[in-house]
Protein backbone atom coordinates (compact mmCIF):
# COMPACT_ATOMS: atom_id res chain seq x y z
CA MET A 1 13.33 -20.75 5.09
CA SER A 2 14.11 -20.59 1.43
CA GLU A 3 11.33 -18.90 -0.52
CA GLY A 4 9.29 -21.16 -2.74
CA THR A 5 10.88 -24.42 -1.59
CA GLY A 6 8.55 -25.20 1.26
CA HIS A 7 11.44 -26.19 3.52
CA HIS A 8 11.66 -25.03 7.08
CA TYR A 9 15.20 -24.84 8.36
CA GLY A 10 15.79 -24.83 12.08
CA SER A 11 12.12 -24.90 13.03
CA ASN A 12 9.97 -27.58 14.53
CA VAL A 13 6.39 -28.24 13.60
CA HIS A 14 4.62 -29.81 16.52
CA GLY A 15 1.09 -30.93 17.16
CA GLY A 16 0.13 -32.56 20.43
CA ASP A 17 1.96 -33.23 23.66
CA ASN A 18 5.74 -33.31 23.86
CA VAL A 19 7.22 -34.73 27.03
CA ASN A 20 10.88 -35.16 27.86
CA ILE A 21 11.76 -36.99 31.06
CA TYR A 22 15.32 -37.21 32.27
CA GLY A 23 15.70 -39.53 35.24
CA GLY A 24 13.36 -39.48 38.19
CA SER A 25 11.05 -42.00 39.76
CA HIS A 26 7.32 -42.43 40.35
CA ILE A 27 6.60 -40.79 37.00
CA ASN A 28 2.92 -40.81 36.11
CA GLY A 29 3.16 -39.35 32.63
CA ILE A 30 0.66 -36.79 31.45
CA VAL A 31 -2.51 -36.43 33.47
CA LYS A 32 -5.25 -34.62 31.62
CA HIS A 33 -8.59 -33.57 32.95
CA GLN A 34 -10.85 -32.82 30.04
CA ALA A 35 -14.45 -31.80 30.20
CA PRO A 36 -16.90 -34.15 28.49
CA ALA A 37 -18.05 -33.25 25.00
CA PRO A 38 -20.98 -30.81 25.01
CA GLY A 39 -24.17 -32.80 25.26
CA LEU A 40 -22.45 -36.01 26.31
CA THR A 41 -23.80 -35.98 29.86
CA GLU A 42 -27.36 -35.59 28.60
CA ALA A 43 -26.89 -38.23 25.89
CA LEU A 44 -25.53 -40.72 28.43
CA ALA A 45 -28.42 -40.04 30.81
CA ARG A 46 -30.91 -40.56 27.98
CA LEU A 47 -29.18 -43.79 26.92
CA GLU A 48 -29.21 -45.06 30.50
CA GLN A 49 -32.94 -44.36 30.75
CA LEU A 50 -33.67 -46.08 27.44
CA VAL A 51 -31.57 -49.11 28.36
CA GLY A 52 -33.51 -49.38 31.64
CA GLU A 53 -36.76 -49.46 29.67
CA LEU A 54 -35.37 -51.94 27.15
CA ARG A 55 -34.08 -54.23 29.90
CA ALA A 56 -37.62 -55.24 30.85
CA GLN A 57 -38.30 -56.30 27.25
CA VAL A 58 -35.36 -58.68 26.69
CA GLU A 59 -34.40 -62.14 27.87
CA PRO A 60 -32.48 -62.50 31.16
CA GLY A 61 -29.15 -63.17 29.40
CA SER A 62 -29.47 -60.00 27.36
CA ALA A 63 -30.56 -58.06 30.45
CA ARG A 64 -27.33 -59.17 32.18
CA VAL A 65 -25.28 -57.90 29.24
CA LEU A 66 -27.11 -54.57 29.40
CA ASP A 67 -26.50 -54.39 33.16
CA SER A 68 -22.79 -55.14 32.82
CA SER A 69 -22.36 -52.72 29.89
CA LEU A 70 -23.83 -49.62 31.52
CA PRO A 71 -21.02 -48.98 34.02
CA ALA A 72 -18.43 -49.15 31.22
CA ILE A 73 -20.49 -46.79 29.09
CA THR A 74 -21.17 -44.18 31.76
CA SER A 75 -17.75 -44.06 33.41
CA ASP A 76 -15.27 -41.45 32.21
CA ALA A 77 -12.49 -43.74 33.41
CA THR A 78 -13.33 -46.47 30.89
CA ALA A 79 -10.83 -46.94 28.07
CA PRO A 80 -12.27 -45.82 24.71
CA ALA A 81 -12.08 -49.32 23.18
CA THR A 82 -13.87 -50.87 26.16
CA ARG A 83 -16.51 -48.15 26.10
CA ARG A 84 -17.04 -48.67 22.37
CA ASP A 85 -17.39 -52.44 22.85
CA ALA A 86 -20.00 -51.91 25.57
CA LEU A 87 -21.93 -49.47 23.37
CA VAL A 88 -21.87 -51.92 20.46
CA ALA A 89 -23.12 -54.72 22.73
CA VAL A 90 -26.05 -52.57 23.85
CA ALA A 91 -26.88 -51.53 20.28
CA THR A 92 -26.74 -55.15 19.12
CA ILE A 93 -29.20 -56.27 21.77
CA ALA A 94 -31.45 -53.29 21.01
CA ALA A 95 -31.41 -54.13 17.30
CA THR A 96 -32.67 -57.66 18.01
CA VAL A 97 -35.97 -56.37 19.37
CA GLY A 98 -36.79 -54.33 16.27
CA ALA A 99 -38.66 -51.05 16.46
CA LEU A 100 -38.79 -51.19 20.25
CA GLY A 101 -34.99 -51.04 20.39
CA GLN A 102 -34.51 -48.35 17.72
CA PRO A 103 -34.40 -45.44 20.21
CA VAL A 104 -31.55 -47.25 22.02
CA VAL A 105 -29.67 -47.80 18.75
CA ASP A 106 -30.12 -44.10 17.93
CA ALA A 107 -28.91 -43.08 21.40
CA VAL A 108 -25.84 -45.32 21.10
CA THR A 109 -25.05 -43.78 17.72
CA GLN A 110 -25.27 -40.30 19.25
CA VAL A 111 -23.00 -41.23 22.18
CA LEU A 112 -20.43 -42.80 19.85
CA ALA A 113 -20.40 -39.63 17.76
CA LEU A 114 -20.03 -37.39 20.81
CA LEU A 115 -17.16 -39.54 22.06
CA GLY A 116 -15.54 -39.59 18.65
CA ILE A 117 -15.07 -43.37 18.82
CA GLY A 118 -17.77 -44.47 16.39
């Protein structure tokens, strides 16, 4: 490296995964097993409880949306975009019932923040 120029000669700056695959078959790519964010398990359990309470206060169509959204929200296998969509659907329904739904909206906001997909 030449002093004062900020150039790096012959070095690589790398952040993240680097995978080189040469030939082969049945390649699965990178499999990562990451622990949930601290507090996520508790936040999801609280959200699930609140949604259960809210379910009894909304119309049948909204209750069905809540029911179909919960598995996507609570499963670690759900793609982030799908999980976010399900969380937004729940928050939207909660917002329609006013003050009664505010704890659900707050819980969704917390889960989105913990997931980093808000």
